[in-house]
Amino acid sequence: NLMEQCEVYNTKLVVKVGDTKNDILEGVNANIGLTVGVLSGAGKLEDFSSHANFIVDDITYVPDLV
């Protein structure tokens, strides 16, 4: 998987960014360190509000979070 290819073995060091509730739940279930819901895609605010650590309007805001 991508973490192994990058030699990252601690899930808390990973950021999961997605535009659907399932993207964010995937990160939560994998015990990822930070999950970010992006509103410029398929998801809506209510899809992310109880699961994502952060919700941003579009992906250009993500670098400011990490």
C-alpha atoms as a PDB file:
ATOM      1  CA  ASN A   1       0.000   0.000   0.000  1.00  0.00           C
ATOM      2  CA  LEU A   2       0.970   3.635  -0.274  1.00  0.00           C
ATOM      3  CA  MET A   3       2.038   3.979   3.363  1.00  0.00           C
ATOM      4  CA  GLU A   4       4.475   1.087   2.999  1.00  0.00           C
ATOM      5  CA  GLN A   5       5.822   2.485  -0.281  1.00  0.00           C
ATOM      6  CA  CYS A   6       6.536   5.769   1.515  1.00  0.00           C
ATOM      7  CA  GLU A   7       7.901   3.918   4.556  1.00  0.00           C
ATOM      8  CA  VAL A   8       5.266   5.420   6.855  1.00  0.00           C
ATOM      9  CA  TYR A   9       4.176   2.907   9.471  1.00  0.00           C
ATOM     10  CA  ASN A  10       2.386   5.092  11.992  1.00  0.00           C
ATOM     11  CA  THR A  11      -1.190   5.894  10.892  1.00  0.00           C
ATOM     12  CA  LYS A  12      -1.209   8.932  13.186  1.00  0.00           C
ATOM     13  CA  LEU A  13       1.245  10.576  10.771  1.00  0.00           C
ATOM     14  CA  VAL A  14      -1.193  10.313   7.849  1.00  0.00           C
ATOM     15  CA  VAL A  15      -3.784  12.817   6.623  1.00  0.00           C
ATOM     16  CA  LYS A  16      -6.867  11.516   4.821  1.00  0.00           C
ATOM     17  CA  VAL A  17      -8.557  14.064   2.566  1.00  0.00           C
ATOM     18  CA  GLY A  18     -11.806  13.244   0.835  1.00  0.00           C
ATOM     19  CA  ASP A  19     -14.994  14.628  -0.625  1.00  0.00           C
ATOM     20  CA  THR A  20     -17.403  11.927   0.560  1.00  0.00           C
ATOM     21  CA  LYS A  21     -18.528  10.645   3.931  1.00  0.00           C
ATOM     22  CA  ASN A  22     -17.071   7.242   3.037  1.00  0.00           C
ATOM     23  CA  ASP A  23     -13.655   8.819   2.380  1.00  0.00           C
ATOM     24  CA  ILE A  24     -13.648  10.278   5.863  1.00  0.00           C
ATOM     25  CA  LEU A  25     -14.990   7.109   7.492  1.00  0.00           C
ATOM     26  CA  GLU A  26     -12.192   5.179   5.789  1.00  0.00           C
ATOM     27  CA  GLY A  27      -9.699   7.446   7.529  1.00  0.00           C
ATOM     28  CA  VAL A  28     -11.475   7.146  10.879  1.00  0.00           C
ATOM     29  CA  ASN A  29     -11.632   3.348  10.618  1.00  0.00           C
ATOM     30  CA  ALA A  30      -7.927   3.202   9.735  1.00  0.00           C
ATOM     31  CA  ASN A  31      -7.101   5.289  12.813  1.00  0.00           C
ATOM     32  CA  ILE A  32      -5.624   8.031  10.618  1.00  0.00           C
ATOM     33  CA  GLY A  33      -4.185  11.035  12.455  1.00  0.00           C
ATOM     34  CA  LEU A  34      -6.182  13.725  10.651  1.00  0.00           C
ATOM     35  CA  THR A  35      -9.241  13.621   8.407  1.00  0.00           C
ATOM     36  CA  VAL A  36     -10.308  16.518   6.201  1.00  0.00           C
ATOM     37  CA  GLY A  37     -13.619  16.789   4.381  1.00  0.00           C
ATOM     38  CA  VAL A  38     -13.573  18.861   1.194  1.00  0.00           C
ATOM     39  CA  LEU A  39     -16.801  20.601   0.176  1.00  0.00           C
ATOM     40  CA  SER A  40     -15.873  21.276  -3.468  1.00  0.00           C
ATOM     41  CA  GLY A  41     -16.630  17.673  -4.467  1.00  0.00           C
ATOM     42  CA  ALA A  42     -19.514  15.292  -3.879  1.00  0.00           C
ATOM     43  CA  GLY A  43     -19.952  15.758  -0.121  1.00  0.00           C
ATOM     44  CA  LYS A  44     -22.024  18.215   1.857  1.00  0.00           C
ATOM     45  CA  LEU A  45     -21.339  19.777   5.250  1.00  0.00           C
ATOM     46  CA  GLU A  46     -23.649  17.340   7.039  1.00  0.00           C
ATOM     47  CA  ASP A  47     -21.702  14.413   5.547  1.00  0.00           C
ATOM     48  CA  PHE A  48     -18.553  15.487   7.383  1.00  0.00           C
ATOM     49  CA  SER A  49     -19.659  17.378  10.475  1.00  0.00           C
ATOM     50  CA  SER A  50     -19.608  14.461  12.923  1.00  0.00           C
ATOM     51  CA  HIS A  51     -16.609  12.607  11.469  1.00  0.00           C
ATOM     52  CA  ALA A  52     -13.957  14.877   9.936  1.00  0.00           C
ATOM     53  CA  ASN A  53     -11.403  16.725  12.059  1.00  0.00           C
ATOM     54  CA  PHE A  54     -11.617  19.647   9.642  1.00  0.00           C
ATOM     55  CA  ILE A  55     -13.952  20.691   6.836  1.00  0.00           C
ATOM     56  CA  VAL A  56     -12.686  23.018   4.106  1.00  0.00           C
ATOM     57  CA  ASP A  57     -14.277  24.640   1.067  1.00  0.00           C
ATOM     58  CA  ASP A  58     -11.687  23.216  -1.309  1.00  0.00           C
ATOM     59  CA  ILE A  59      -8.409  21.341  -1.320  1.00  0.00           C
ATOM     60  CA  THR A  60      -6.298  24.500  -1.519  1.00  0.00           C
ATOM     61  CA  TYR A  61      -6.919  24.989   2.224  1.00  0.00           C
ATOM     62  CA  VAL A  62      -5.436  21.614   3.206  1.00  0.00           C
ATOM     63  CA  PRO A  63      -1.743  22.661   3.323  1.00  0.00           C
ATOM     64  CA  ASP A  64      -2.628  25.233   5.990  1.00  0.00           C
ATOM     65  CA  LEU A  65      -3.866  22.413   8.249  1.00  0.00           C
ATOM     66  CA  VAL A  66      -0.766  20.216   8.179  1.00  0.00           C
END
